[in-house]
Structures are given as structure tokens and as C-alpha cells.
Amino acid sequence: MFLMTHDIFETFSDSIVIFLGERGGSGVLRLRDDGAWNFYNPGSQEWDYFHQLVYRNFKAQALAPEELARRGIVLPDLDAYVRQAVFVEWPKNFDGDISFDRVNTAVLGALLVKNSPIAIFLVLSEDLYESAFGDGVARDAEAAFWDETAARAFIDRKNAENAARAKDQMGYAYSLKTISLSVDVAQKKIRAQLNIEKYEHYTLARTLELLGCAPAQQ
């Protein structure tokens, strides 16, 4: 029996999704092209994507169960998915350690000669148009620096570019994160306290990749 506490939507990009429980508190199901369903735990990146798309940016229309039946779409056992749902804390979506062999040689060499913990400065960017009218808010890693002064100078340059935009262009918002790294020589790994907050999307791997593009320390 279909429970009315589950909401069905068709997004403007033609995905059919079912939010299990109140506003998807027990997860989201997405219909695949082959008729099977993908399940996303509450708090996962995929869950957040569809949750923002539907409930924040309203880029979907509600569907009745009868409409699914009319289209020949068979519902799975929704209660079974509710029972298996596990809430994912947002930071758990992103890796916090990486093996030496996956790190740029120059970056790894610079980290190995430093004493842990090591502060790294990461610049995040948010596409304001997407936040307001697109898929939702996502603050992604754009640049990483060894030095806070260099990171703030980068943000100043980007803000100046924003100011020069045409008035009908929304531009980007920038923010600065400080990430604490430690080097585990015994395990041959770099570990990080990422301190990821809501809407932020970055991994240690991406941070170190960007760090490889930063000016070398003197």
C-alpha cells in the first residue's frame, strides 16, 4: 500500500523521484531508464541534489501515484527502503585521507618537510545564478594556497572581476577555508580535518590537486 507521507515529483530534467517520509527524511528513490530504482540515503550528495532541486529551487512538479500507474511505472516496496535508510552526516560524503602515491610529487615533497599539523588555505566558489535559479547551492573548491595572504589576494581579484560584470550577471561568491593536514609517514597517508559545512563540496584529493597549481613556497 502506498503511503501518503511519500512525495513523488518529476523534475524539469525528467527525473522521477520519490521522497520517502516527510521531505525525504528517510531517503530518495530515483527511477532509472531501465525501470529500476536508485536509493540515496538522507544526507548523501545525491539526496542533497534532488532535495534542493525540489524543495529549495522548486524545479519539479508533483505527481500522483495514479500517474505513475498510468505510465506503467511499478513502485518498489517503499517501506523496505525506509527501514534500510541510514542518515549520512554531510562531512562523511568527502574523503579525509589520501595515500602518498596519489599526491603530486612536488606537493608531497613540500608536505614531508613540514611539521604537522599543516595549515592549507582553500578558496570555495558559489555560482549565484545556480544557487537562485538552477540546481541549488554548491560551494566548490576553486583554488588552494600554502599562504593565507595569497588566498585572500586571489579572492580580492575574483571579487574585482565580479564587480566588473554586467549588472544582469549574478557572478560568484567566494569564501575561505582553513584545512589542517597531517602527514602519517608510517601509513604513507596525508590526513585532513576538512571541516566541511552544509553546501560545501570538496575532498582532500581535490584540495591537494589545486595546491599543486599554487605558487611554490619560498
N, C-alpha and C. Protein backbone atom coordinates (compact mmCIF):
# COMPACT_ATOMS: atom_id res chain seq x y z
N MET A 1 0.85 -1.20 0.00
CA MET A 1 0.00 0.00 0.00
C MET A 1 0.88 1.24 0.00
N PHE A 2 0.57 2.18 -0.87
CA PHE A 2 1.37 3.42 -0.97
C PHE A 2 1.03 4.36 0.19
N LEU A 3 2.02 4.87 0.84
CA LEU A 3 1.83 5.75 1.98
C LEU A 3 1.87 7.20 1.53
N MET A 4 0.91 8.00 1.96
CA MET A 4 0.80 9.38 1.51
C MET A 4 1.89 10.28 2.08
N THR A 5 2.68 9.77 3.03
CA THR A 5 3.78 10.58 3.55
C THR A 5 4.96 10.62 2.58
N HIS A 6 4.88 9.86 1.49
CA HIS A 6 5.93 9.86 0.48
C HIS A 6 5.51 10.78 -0.67
N ASP A 7 6.39 11.68 -1.05
CA ASP A 7 6.08 12.65 -2.11
C ASP A 7 6.75 12.23 -3.42
N ILE A 8 6.00 12.30 -4.50
CA ILE A 8 6.53 11.96 -5.82
C ILE A 8 6.63 13.23 -6.66
N PHE A 9 7.77 13.37 -7.36
CA PHE A 9 7.96 14.53 -8.22
C PHE A 9 8.59 14.10 -9.53
N GLU A 10 8.33 14.89 -10.56
CA GLU A 10 9.09 14.79 -11.81
C GLU A 10 9.83 16.10 -11.98
N THR A 11 11.15 16.02 -12.03
CA THR A 11 11.94 17.24 -12.13
C THR A 11 11.87 17.78 -13.55
N PHE A 12 12.25 19.03 -13.71
CA PHE A 12 12.22 19.65 -15.03
C PHE A 12 13.24 19.03 -15.98
N SER A 13 14.15 18.21 -15.43
CA SER A 13 15.09 17.47 -16.27
C SER A 13 14.63 16.02 -16.47
N ASP A 14 13.35 15.77 -16.15
CA ASP A 14 12.68 14.50 -16.46
C ASP A 14 13.09 13.33 -15.56
N SER A 15 13.60 13.61 -14.38
CA SER A 15 13.85 12.55 -13.40
C SER A 15 12.61 12.39 -12.52
N ILE A 16 12.19 11.15 -12.32
CA ILE A 16 11.11 10.87 -11.39
C ILE A 16 11.73 10.44 -10.07
N VAL A 17 11.37 11.14 -9.01
CA VAL A 17 11.95 10.87 -7.70
C VAL A 17 10.85 10.74 -6.66
N ILE A 18 11.10 9.91 -5.66
CA ILE A 18 10.17 9.74 -4.55
C ILE A 18 10.92 10.08 -3.26
N PHE A 19 10.40 11.05 -2.53
CA PHE A 19 10.98 11.42 -1.24
C PHE A 19 10.27 10.62 -0.16
N LEU A 20 11.03 9.77 0.51
CA LEU A 20 10.48 8.86 1.49
C LEU A 20 10.36 9.54 2.84
N GLY A 21 9.19 9.53 3.43
CA GLY A 21 8.97 10.24 4.68
C GLY A 21 8.81 11.72 4.42
N GLU A 22 8.68 12.49 5.48
CA GLU A 22 8.47 13.93 5.34
C GLU A 22 9.68 14.59 4.68
N ARG A 23 9.48 15.18 3.52
CA ARG A 23 10.52 15.88 2.76
C ARG A 23 11.77 15.02 2.57
N GLY A 24 11.56 13.73 2.42
CA GLY A 24 12.68 12.84 2.13
C GLY A 24 13.54 12.51 3.33
N GLY A 25 12.99 12.64 4.52
CA GLY A 25 13.77 12.35 5.72
C GLY A 25 14.26 10.92 5.83
N SER A 26 13.67 10.02 5.04
CA SER A 26 14.10 8.62 5.03
C SER A 26 14.73 8.22 3.70
N GLY A 27 15.15 9.22 2.91
CA GLY A 27 15.86 8.94 1.67
C GLY A 27 15.08 9.32 0.43
N VAL A 28 15.72 9.11 -0.71
CA VAL A 28 15.14 9.44 -2.02
C VAL A 28 15.33 8.25 -2.96
N LEU A 29 14.29 7.97 -3.72
CA LEU A 29 14.38 7.00 -4.81
C LEU A 29 14.32 7.74 -6.15
N ARG A 30 15.17 7.33 -7.09
CA ARG A 30 15.14 7.91 -8.44
C ARG A 30 14.96 6.79 -9.45
N LEU A 31 14.00 6.99 -10.35
CA LEU A 31 13.72 5.99 -11.37
C LEU A 31 14.79 6.02 -12.45
N ARG A 32 15.36 4.86 -12.74
CA ARG A 32 16.36 4.75 -13.80
C ARG A 32 15.68 4.48 -15.14
N ASP A 33 16.44 4.64 -16.20
CA ASP A 33 15.90 4.42 -17.54
C ASP A 33 15.46 2.97 -17.75
N ASP A 34 16.10 2.03 -17.02
CA ASP A 34 15.75 0.62 -17.19
C ASP A 34 14.58 0.19 -16.32
N GLY A 35 13.96 1.15 -15.60
CA GLY A 35 12.81 0.83 -14.77
C GLY A 35 13.14 0.48 -13.34
N ALA A 36 14.42 0.29 -13.03
CA ALA A 36 14.83 0.04 -11.65
C ALA A 36 14.94 1.37 -10.90
N TRP A 37 15.13 1.26 -9.61
CA TRP A 37 15.19 2.47 -8.77
C TRP A 37 16.53 2.56 -8.06
N ASN A 38 17.12 3.75 -8.04
CA ASN A 38 18.31 4.03 -7.22
C ASN A 38 17.85 4.63 -5.90
N PHE A 39 18.44 4.18 -4.82
CA PHE A 39 18.11 4.71 -3.49
C PHE A 39 19.28 5.53 -2.96
N TYR A 40 18.99 6.73 -2.44
CA TYR A 40 20.01 7.59 -1.88
C TYR A 40 19.68 7.88 -0.42
N ASN A 41 20.62 7.56 0.44
CA ASN A 41 20.41 7.79 1.87
C ASN A 41 20.25 9.27 2.18
N PRO A 42 19.45 9.61 3.19
CA PRO A 42 19.31 11.02 3.57
C PRO A 42 20.65 11.60 3.99
N GLY A 43 20.95 12.79 3.47
CA GLY A 43 22.22 13.43 3.78
C GLY A 43 23.31 13.17 2.77
N SER A 44 23.11 12.21 1.85
CA SER A 44 24.12 11.93 0.83
C SER A 44 24.14 13.06 -0.20
N GLN A 45 25.19 13.10 -1.01
CA GLN A 45 25.28 14.15 -2.02
C GLN A 45 24.13 14.07 -3.03
N GLU A 46 23.77 12.84 -3.43
CA GLU A 46 22.69 12.68 -4.39
C GLU A 46 21.35 13.13 -3.78
N TRP A 47 21.14 12.75 -2.54
CA TRP A 47 19.93 13.17 -1.82
C TRP A 47 19.86 14.70 -1.76
N ASP A 48 20.98 15.33 -1.42
CA ASP A 48 21.01 16.79 -1.31
C ASP A 48 20.70 17.44 -2.66
N TYR A 49 21.23 16.86 -3.74
CA TYR A 49 20.98 17.42 -5.07
C TYR A 49 19.49 17.46 -5.37
N PHE A 50 18.82 16.33 -5.20
CA PHE A 50 17.40 16.28 -5.52
C PHE A 50 16.56 17.07 -4.49
N HIS A 51 16.98 17.06 -3.24
CA HIS A 51 16.25 17.79 -2.21
C HIS A 51 16.26 19.29 -2.52
N GLN A 52 17.42 19.83 -2.88
CA GLN A 52 17.49 21.24 -3.25
C GLN A 52 16.69 21.53 -4.52
N LEU A 53 16.83 20.64 -5.50
CA LEU A 53 16.15 20.83 -6.78
C LEU A 53 14.64 20.97 -6.58
N VAL A 54 14.10 20.13 -5.69
CA VAL A 54 12.64 20.09 -5.49
C VAL A 54 12.17 21.10 -4.45
N TYR A 55 12.76 21.06 -3.26
CA TYR A 55 12.21 21.82 -2.14
C TYR A 55 12.80 23.22 -1.98
N ARG A 56 13.97 23.45 -2.54
CA ARG A 56 14.59 24.77 -2.41
C ARG A 56 14.35 25.60 -3.66
N ASN A 57 14.62 25.01 -4.83
CA ASN A 57 14.53 25.78 -6.07
C ASN A 57 13.28 25.47 -6.89
N PHE A 58 12.45 24.54 -6.39
CA PHE A 58 11.12 24.28 -6.98
C PHE A 58 11.20 23.96 -8.47
N LYS A 59 12.18 23.14 -8.87
CA LYS A 59 12.34 22.79 -10.28
C LYS A 59 11.78 21.38 -10.53
N ALA A 60 10.52 21.19 -10.11
CA ALA A 60 9.85 19.90 -10.27
C ALA A 60 8.36 20.10 -10.12
N GLN A 61 7.61 19.12 -10.62
CA GLN A 61 6.15 19.14 -10.42
C GLN A 61 5.73 17.86 -9.70
N ALA A 62 4.74 17.98 -8.84
CA ALA A 62 4.26 16.83 -8.08
C ALA A 62 3.51 15.86 -9.00
N LEU A 63 3.65 14.57 -8.69
CA LEU A 63 2.93 13.53 -9.42
C LEU A 63 2.11 12.70 -8.43
N ALA A 64 0.95 12.28 -8.84
CA ALA A 64 0.14 11.37 -8.04
C ALA A 64 0.54 9.93 -8.34
N PRO A 65 0.37 9.03 -7.38
CA PRO A 65 0.68 7.61 -7.65
C PRO A 65 -0.06 7.08 -8.86
N GLU A 66 -1.28 7.58 -9.08
CA GLU A 66 -2.08 7.14 -10.22
C GLU A 66 -1.40 7.48 -11.56
N GLU A 67 -0.66 8.59 -11.59
CA GLU A 67 0.04 8.98 -12.80
C GLU A 67 1.17 8.01 -13.11
N LEU A 68 1.85 7.54 -12.06
CA LEU A 68 2.90 6.53 -12.27
C LEU A 68 2.28 5.26 -12.84
N ALA A 69 1.14 4.86 -12.27
CA ALA A 69 0.47 3.65 -12.76
C ALA A 69 0.06 3.82 -14.22
N ARG A 70 -0.43 5.00 -14.57
CA ARG A 70 -0.84 5.26 -15.95
C ARG A 70 0.32 5.12 -16.91
N ARG A 71 1.53 5.48 -16.44
CA ARG A 71 2.72 5.38 -17.28
C ARG A 71 3.35 3.99 -17.25
N GLY A 72 2.75 3.10 -16.47
CA GLY A 72 3.29 1.74 -16.38
C GLY A 72 4.49 1.62 -15.47
N ILE A 73 4.67 2.59 -14.58
CA ILE A 73 5.81 2.58 -13.66
C ILE A 73 5.41 1.83 -12.39
N VAL A 74 6.16 0.80 -12.07
CA VAL A 74 5.87 -0.05 -10.91
C VAL A 74 6.65 0.46 -9.70
N LEU A 75 5.93 0.71 -8.63
CA LEU A 75 6.58 1.18 -7.40
C LEU A 75 7.24 0.02 -6.67
N PRO A 76 8.42 0.26 -6.10
CA PRO A 76 9.05 -0.77 -5.27
C PRO A 76 8.39 -0.79 -3.89
N ASP A 77 8.90 -1.65 -3.01
CA ASP A 77 8.43 -1.69 -1.62
C ASP A 77 9.03 -0.49 -0.89
N LEU A 78 8.27 0.59 -0.79
CA LEU A 78 8.79 1.83 -0.21
C LEU A 78 9.16 1.67 1.25
N ASP A 79 8.34 0.94 1.99
CA ASP A 79 8.63 0.76 3.41
C ASP A 79 9.94 0.02 3.64
N ALA A 80 10.28 -0.88 2.72
CA ALA A 80 11.55 -1.61 2.84
C ALA A 80 12.73 -0.66 2.73
N TYR A 81 12.63 0.33 1.83
CA TYR A 81 13.70 1.32 1.70
C TYR A 81 13.77 2.21 2.94
N VAL A 82 12.61 2.55 3.48
CA VAL A 82 12.58 3.37 4.70
C VAL A 82 13.31 2.66 5.83
N ARG A 83 13.11 1.36 5.94
CA ARG A 83 13.73 0.60 7.03
C ARG A 83 15.24 0.52 6.88
N GLN A 84 15.74 0.58 5.65
CA GLN A 84 17.19 0.45 5.45
C GLN A 84 17.91 1.80 5.43
N ALA A 85 17.17 2.89 5.50
CA ALA A 85 17.79 4.22 5.40
C ALA A 85 18.75 4.49 6.55
N VAL A 86 19.88 5.08 6.21
CA VAL A 86 20.88 5.49 7.20
C VAL A 86 21.26 6.93 6.92
N PHE A 87 21.12 7.79 7.92
CA PHE A 87 21.45 9.19 7.71
C PHE A 87 22.96 9.36 7.55
N VAL A 88 23.37 10.14 6.55
CA VAL A 88 24.78 10.41 6.28
C VAL A 88 25.10 11.83 6.72
N GLU A 89 26.00 11.96 7.69
CA GLU A 89 26.45 13.30 8.07
C GLU A 89 27.20 13.90 6.88
N TRP A 90 26.94 15.18 6.60
CA TRP A 90 27.47 15.79 5.38
C TRP A 90 28.97 15.59 5.20
N PRO A 91 29.82 15.80 6.22
CA PRO A 91 31.26 15.62 6.00
C PRO A 91 31.66 14.20 5.60
N LYS A 92 30.82 13.22 5.94
CA LYS A 92 31.14 11.83 5.61
C LYS A 92 31.06 11.55 4.11
N ASN A 93 30.51 12.49 3.35
CA ASN A 93 30.44 12.33 1.89
C ASN A 93 31.78 12.55 1.21
N PHE A 94 32.77 13.05 1.93
CA PHE A 94 34.02 13.50 1.30
C PHE A 94 35.22 12.86 1.98
N ASP A 95 36.21 12.47 1.16
CA ASP A 95 37.37 11.76 1.71
C ASP A 95 38.25 12.70 2.54
N GLY A 96 38.78 12.16 3.63
CA GLY A 96 39.62 12.94 4.51
C GLY A 96 41.04 12.43 4.60
N ASP A 97 41.39 11.44 3.79
CA ASP A 97 42.79 10.99 3.74
C ASP A 97 43.09 10.49 2.34
N ILE A 98 44.38 10.44 2.05
CA ILE A 98 44.83 10.06 0.71
C ILE A 98 46.22 9.45 0.82
N SER A 99 46.49 8.43 0.03
CA SER A 99 47.80 7.78 0.08
C SER A 99 48.84 8.61 -0.66
N PHE A 100 50.09 8.44 -0.24
CA PHE A 100 51.18 9.21 -0.84
C PHE A 100 51.22 9.08 -2.36
N ASP A 101 50.93 7.87 -2.87
CA ASP A 101 51.09 7.63 -4.31
C ASP A 101 50.06 8.36 -5.16
N ARG A 102 49.07 8.99 -4.52
CA ARG A 102 48.07 9.76 -5.26
C ARG A 102 48.31 11.26 -5.19
N VAL A 103 49.41 11.65 -4.58
CA VAL A 103 49.69 13.07 -4.37
C VAL A 103 50.78 13.53 -5.33
N ASN A 104 50.58 14.72 -5.90
CA ASN A 104 51.59 15.34 -6.76
C ASN A 104 52.95 15.31 -6.06
N THR A 105 53.98 14.94 -6.81
CA THR A 105 55.32 14.75 -6.22
C THR A 105 55.82 16.01 -5.52
N ALA A 106 55.65 17.17 -6.16
CA ALA A 106 56.13 18.42 -5.57
C ALA A 106 55.35 18.75 -4.29
N VAL A 107 54.04 18.55 -4.33
CA VAL A 107 53.21 18.82 -3.15
C VAL A 107 53.59 17.88 -2.01
N LEU A 108 53.74 16.60 -2.32
CA LEU A 108 54.12 15.63 -1.30
C LEU A 108 55.46 15.99 -0.69
N GLY A 109 56.43 16.37 -1.53
CA GLY A 109 57.75 16.75 -1.02
C GLY A 109 57.68 17.93 -0.09
N ALA A 110 56.85 18.92 -0.43
CA ALA A 110 56.69 20.10 0.43
C ALA A 110 56.04 19.74 1.76
N LEU A 111 55.07 18.81 1.73
CA LEU A 111 54.40 18.41 2.97
C LEU A 111 55.33 17.61 3.88
N LEU A 112 56.17 16.79 3.28
CA LEU A 112 57.03 15.90 4.07
C LEU A 112 58.08 16.66 4.89
N VAL A 113 58.42 17.86 4.47
CA VAL A 113 59.45 18.61 5.22
C VAL A 113 58.82 19.53 6.26
N LYS A 114 57.50 19.53 6.37
CA LYS A 114 56.82 20.38 7.34
C LYS A 114 56.42 19.58 8.58
N ASN A 115 56.25 20.29 9.67
CA ASN A 115 55.77 19.67 10.90
C ASN A 115 54.24 19.72 10.92
N SER A 116 53.63 18.60 11.25
CA SER A 116 52.17 18.56 11.36
C SER A 116 51.72 19.17 12.70
N PRO A 117 50.54 19.80 12.72
CA PRO A 117 49.60 19.98 11.62
C PRO A 117 50.03 21.11 10.67
N ILE A 118 49.61 21.01 9.42
CA ILE A 118 49.97 21.97 8.37
C ILE A 118 48.71 22.68 7.91
N ALA A 119 48.71 23.99 7.95
CA ALA A 119 47.54 24.76 7.53
C ALA A 119 47.59 25.01 6.02
N ILE A 120 46.48 24.69 5.35
CA ILE A 120 46.31 24.94 3.92
C ILE A 120 45.07 25.82 3.76
N PHE A 121 45.10 26.71 2.79
CA PHE A 121 44.01 27.67 2.62
C PHE A 121 43.29 27.40 1.29
N LEU A 122 42.01 27.07 1.41
CA LEU A 122 41.20 26.65 0.26
C LEU A 122 40.13 27.70 -0.04
N VAL A 123 40.05 28.10 -1.31
CA VAL A 123 39.04 29.07 -1.74
C VAL A 123 37.88 28.31 -2.38
N LEU A 124 36.67 28.58 -1.89
CA LEU A 124 35.46 27.99 -2.44
C LEU A 124 34.71 29.03 -3.26
N SER A 125 34.06 28.58 -4.32
CA SER A 125 33.25 29.49 -5.13
C SER A 125 31.83 28.95 -5.24
N GLU A 126 30.89 29.88 -5.28
CA GLU A 126 29.47 29.55 -5.41
C GLU A 126 28.89 30.31 -6.59
N ASP A 127 28.32 29.60 -7.54
CA ASP A 127 27.66 30.21 -8.69
C ASP A 127 26.30 30.72 -8.21
N LEU A 128 26.16 32.03 -8.11
CA LEU A 128 24.95 32.61 -7.52
C LEU A 128 23.72 32.39 -8.38
N TYR A 129 23.89 32.32 -9.69
CA TYR A 129 22.74 32.04 -10.55
C TYR A 129 22.22 30.63 -10.29
N GLU A 130 23.14 29.66 -10.24
CA GLU A 130 22.73 28.28 -9.97
C GLU A 130 22.06 28.16 -8.60
N SER A 131 22.59 28.90 -7.62
CA SER A 131 22.01 28.86 -6.28
C SER A 131 20.57 29.35 -6.29
N ALA A 132 20.32 30.41 -7.04
CA ALA A 132 19.00 31.03 -7.03
C ALA A 132 18.02 30.38 -8.01
N PHE A 133 18.51 30.01 -9.20
CA PHE A 133 17.59 29.59 -10.26
C PHE A 133 17.93 28.23 -10.87
N GLY A 134 19.05 27.65 -10.49
CA GLY A 134 19.47 26.38 -11.09
C GLY A 134 19.23 25.19 -10.19
N ASP A 135 20.24 24.35 -10.06
CA ASP A 135 20.09 23.11 -9.31
C ASP A 135 20.17 23.29 -7.79
N GLY A 136 20.69 24.43 -7.33
CA GLY A 136 20.82 24.65 -5.90
C GLY A 136 22.20 25.17 -5.53
N VAL A 137 22.45 25.24 -4.23
CA VAL A 137 23.70 25.80 -3.73
C VAL A 137 24.79 24.73 -3.71
N ALA A 138 25.94 25.07 -4.25
CA ALA A 138 27.12 24.21 -4.17
C ALA A 138 28.34 25.11 -4.10
N ARG A 139 29.09 24.99 -3.03
CA ARG A 139 30.33 25.76 -2.88
C ARG A 139 31.49 24.81 -3.14
N ASP A 140 32.11 24.99 -4.31
CA ASP A 140 33.12 24.07 -4.79
C ASP A 140 34.53 24.64 -4.65
N ALA A 141 35.49 23.74 -4.52
CA ALA A 141 36.89 24.15 -4.42
C ALA A 141 37.36 24.75 -5.74
N GLU A 142 37.95 25.93 -5.67
CA GLU A 142 38.45 26.59 -6.89
C GLU A 142 39.96 26.78 -6.87
N ALA A 143 40.54 27.03 -5.71
CA ALA A 143 41.98 27.25 -5.63
C ALA A 143 42.45 26.93 -4.22
N ALA A 144 43.71 26.52 -4.10
CA ALA A 144 44.30 26.22 -2.79
C ALA A 144 45.67 26.86 -2.70
N PHE A 145 46.04 27.28 -1.50
CA PHE A 145 47.29 28.03 -1.30
C PHE A 145 47.97 27.57 -0.02
N TRP A 146 49.29 27.72 -0.04
CA TRP A 146 50.08 27.47 1.16
C TRP A 146 49.97 28.64 2.13
N ASP A 147 49.69 29.80 1.58
CA ASP A 147 49.76 31.05 2.34
C ASP A 147 48.40 31.75 2.37
N GLU A 148 47.96 32.18 3.54
CA GLU A 148 46.66 32.84 3.67
C GLU A 148 46.62 34.16 2.91
N THR A 149 47.73 34.91 2.91
CA THR A 149 47.76 36.19 2.21
C THR A 149 47.50 36.00 0.72
N ALA A 150 48.12 34.97 0.14
CA ALA A 150 47.92 34.68 -1.28
C ALA A 150 46.48 34.28 -1.56
N ALA A 151 45.89 33.52 -0.65
CA ALA A 151 44.50 33.09 -0.82
C ALA A 151 43.56 34.29 -0.79
N ARG A 152 43.80 35.21 0.14
CA ARG A 152 42.93 36.39 0.24
C ARG A 152 43.14 37.32 -0.96
N ALA A 153 44.34 37.38 -1.48
CA ALA A 153 44.59 38.19 -2.67
C ALA A 153 43.84 37.61 -3.87
N PHE A 154 43.79 36.28 -3.95
CA PHE A 154 43.05 35.61 -5.03
C PHE A 154 41.57 35.97 -4.94
N ILE A 155 41.02 35.93 -3.73
CA ILE A 155 39.60 36.29 -3.54
C ILE A 155 39.36 37.74 -3.92
N ASP A 156 40.29 38.62 -3.55
CA ASP A 156 40.14 40.04 -3.91
C ASP A 156 40.10 40.21 -5.43
N ARG A 157 40.94 39.48 -6.16
CA ARG A 157 40.95 39.57 -7.61
C ARG A 157 39.62 39.07 -8.20
N LYS A 158 39.14 37.98 -7.64
CA LYS A 158 37.87 37.42 -8.13
C LYS A 158 36.71 38.36 -7.82
N ASN A 159 36.72 38.98 -6.66
CA ASN A 159 35.67 39.93 -6.32
C ASN A 159 35.72 41.15 -7.24
N ALA A 160 36.92 41.55 -7.63
CA ALA A 160 37.05 42.67 -8.58
C ALA A 160 36.46 42.29 -9.93
N GLU A 161 36.67 41.03 -10.35
CA GLU A 161 36.07 40.55 -11.60
C GLU A 161 34.55 40.58 -11.50
N ASN A 162 34.03 40.19 -10.34
CA ASN A 162 32.59 40.24 -10.12
C ASN A 162 32.05 41.66 -10.26
N ALA A 163 32.77 42.60 -9.67
CA ALA A 163 32.33 43.99 -9.68
C ALA A 163 32.29 44.55 -11.10
N ALA A 164 33.11 43.99 -11.99
CA ALA A 164 33.17 44.49 -13.36
C ALA A 164 32.14 43.82 -14.27
N ARG A 165 31.39 42.88 -13.74
CA ARG A 165 30.38 42.20 -14.55
C ARG A 165 29.23 43.13 -14.89
N ALA A 166 28.53 42.77 -15.96
CA ALA A 166 27.30 43.49 -16.29
C ALA A 166 26.30 43.31 -15.15
N LYS A 167 25.43 44.29 -14.97
CA LYS A 167 24.51 44.28 -13.84
C LYS A 167 23.54 43.10 -13.88
N ASP A 168 23.30 42.54 -15.07
CA ASP A 168 22.37 41.42 -15.17
C ASP A 168 23.06 40.07 -14.99
N GLN A 169 24.36 40.09 -14.65
CA GLN A 169 25.09 38.86 -14.38
C GLN A 169 25.33 38.73 -12.87
N MET A 170 24.95 37.60 -12.31
CA MET A 170 24.99 37.45 -10.85
C MET A 170 26.39 37.15 -10.32
N GLY A 171 27.20 36.46 -11.12
CA GLY A 171 28.57 36.21 -10.70
C GLY A 171 28.71 35.13 -9.64
N TYR A 172 29.77 35.26 -8.83
CA TYR A 172 30.14 34.22 -7.89
C TYR A 172 30.38 34.82 -6.50
N ALA A 173 30.20 33.99 -5.49
CA ALA A 173 30.57 34.36 -4.13
C ALA A 173 31.74 33.47 -3.72
N TYR A 174 32.70 34.06 -2.99
CA TYR A 174 33.91 33.34 -2.61
C TYR A 174 34.05 33.30 -1.10
N SER A 175 34.58 32.19 -0.62
CA SER A 175 34.82 32.05 0.82
C SER A 175 36.13 31.31 1.03
N LEU A 176 36.68 31.45 2.21
CA LEU A 176 38.00 30.89 2.53
C LEU A 176 37.87 29.85 3.64
N LYS A 177 38.47 28.69 3.42
CA LYS A 177 38.51 27.63 4.41
C LYS A 177 39.96 27.35 4.80
N THR A 178 40.18 27.13 6.08
CA THR A 178 41.49 26.69 6.54
C THR A 178 41.41 25.20 6.85
N ILE A 179 42.28 24.43 6.22
CA ILE A 179 42.28 22.97 6.37
C ILE A 179 43.58 22.56 7.07
N SER A 180 43.43 21.73 8.07
CA SER A 180 44.59 21.24 8.82
C SER A 180 44.99 19.86 8.30
N LEU A 181 46.23 19.75 7.83
CA LEU A 181 46.75 18.49 7.31
C LEU A 181 47.77 17.89 8.26
N SER A 182 47.84 16.58 8.25
CA SER A 182 48.89 15.88 8.98
C SER A 182 49.46 14.79 8.08
N VAL A 183 50.75 14.52 8.24
CA VAL A 183 51.44 13.53 7.43
C VAL A 183 51.68 12.29 8.28
N ASP A 184 51.12 11.17 7.84
CA ASP A 184 51.30 9.89 8.51
C ASP A 184 52.33 9.10 7.72
N VAL A 185 53.59 9.23 8.11
CA VAL A 185 54.67 8.59 7.36
C VAL A 185 54.58 7.07 7.46
N ALA A 186 54.21 6.57 8.62
CA ALA A 186 54.13 5.13 8.82
C ALA A 186 53.11 4.49 7.88
N GLN A 187 51.95 5.13 7.73
CA GLN A 187 50.90 4.60 6.87
C GLN A 187 50.98 5.14 5.44
N LYS A 188 51.92 6.07 5.21
CA LYS A 188 52.10 6.71 3.91
C LYS A 188 50.80 7.35 3.43
N LYS A 189 50.24 8.18 4.32
CA LYS A 189 48.99 8.86 4.01
C LYS A 189 49.04 10.31 4.48
N ILE A 190 48.29 11.14 3.76
CA ILE A 190 48.01 12.50 4.21
C ILE A 190 46.59 12.50 4.77
N ARG A 191 46.41 13.06 5.95
CA ARG A 191 45.09 13.11 6.58
C ARG A 191 44.71 14.58 6.79
N ALA A 192 43.38 14.83 6.81
CA ALA A 192 42.93 16.21 6.91
C ALA A 192 41.71 16.32 7.81
N GLN A 193 41.62 17.47 8.47
CA GLN A 193 40.39 17.89 9.13
C GLN A 193 39.73 18.87 8.15
N LEU A 194 38.78 18.38 7.37
CA LEU A 194 38.22 19.19 6.29
C LEU A 194 37.22 20.24 6.79
N ASN A 195 36.56 19.96 7.91
CA ASN A 195 35.59 20.91 8.47
C ASN A 195 34.55 21.34 7.43
N ILE A 196 34.03 20.37 6.70
CA ILE A 196 33.06 20.67 5.65
C ILE A 196 31.71 21.01 6.26
N GLU A 197 31.12 22.10 5.77
CA GLU A 197 29.82 22.55 6.23
C GLU A 197 28.78 22.36 5.13
N LYS A 198 27.53 22.60 5.47
CA LYS A 198 26.43 22.43 4.52
C LYS A 198 26.69 23.20 3.23
N TYR A 199 26.40 22.58 2.12
CA TYR A 199 26.54 23.12 0.76
C TYR A 199 27.98 23.11 0.25
N GLU A 200 28.95 22.78 1.08
CA GLU A 200 30.35 22.77 0.64
C GLU A 200 30.69 21.41 0.04
N HIS A 201 31.44 21.45 -1.08
CA HIS A 201 31.81 20.23 -1.80
C HIS A 201 33.31 20.27 -2.08
N TYR A 202 34.08 19.53 -1.32
CA TYR A 202 35.50 19.40 -1.65
C TYR A 202 36.07 18.19 -0.93
N THR A 203 37.09 17.64 -1.52
CA THR A 203 37.78 16.49 -0.95
C THR A 203 39.23 16.84 -0.70
N LEU A 204 39.90 16.00 0.06
CA LEU A 204 41.34 16.19 0.26
C LEU A 204 42.06 16.01 -1.07
N ALA A 205 41.64 15.04 -1.87
CA ALA A 205 42.30 14.81 -3.16
C ALA A 205 42.22 16.06 -4.04
N ARG A 206 41.05 16.68 -4.10
CA ARG A 206 40.88 17.88 -4.92
C ARG A 206 41.69 19.04 -4.33
N THR A 207 41.72 19.16 -3.02
CA THR A 207 42.49 20.23 -2.38
C THR A 207 43.97 20.12 -2.73
N LEU A 208 44.51 18.92 -2.65
CA LEU A 208 45.94 18.74 -2.94
C LEU A 208 46.22 18.91 -4.44
N GLU A 209 45.27 18.53 -5.28
CA GLU A 209 45.41 18.78 -6.72
C GLU A 209 45.53 20.27 -6.99
N LEU A 210 44.66 21.06 -6.37
CA LEU A 210 44.71 22.51 -6.55
C LEU A 210 45.97 23.10 -5.93
N LEU A 211 46.41 22.52 -4.84
CA LEU A 211 47.63 23.00 -4.19
C LEU A 211 48.83 22.85 -5.12
N GLY A 212 48.78 21.85 -5.98
CA GLY A 212 49.86 21.65 -6.95
C GLY A 212 49.93 22.75 -7.98
N CYS A 213 48.84 23.52 -8.13
CA CYS A 213 48.81 24.66 -9.07
C CYS A 213 49.21 25.97 -8.40
N ALA A 214 49.35 25.94 -7.07
CA ALA A 214 49.67 27.17 -6.34
C ALA A 214 51.16 27.49 -6.48
N PRO A 215 51.52 28.79 -6.37
CA PRO A 215 52.94 29.14 -6.40
C PRO A 215 53.71 28.42 -5.31
N ALA A 216 54.90 27.94 -5.63
CA ALA A 216 55.71 27.25 -4.64
C ALA A 216 56.11 28.20 -3.52
N GLN A 217 56.24 27.64 -2.32
CA GLN A 217 56.67 28.45 -1.19
C GLN A 217 58.15 28.79 -1.32
N GLN A 218 58.45 30.00 -0.88
CA GLN A 218 59.85 30.42 -0.92
C GLN A 218 60.59 29.87 0.30
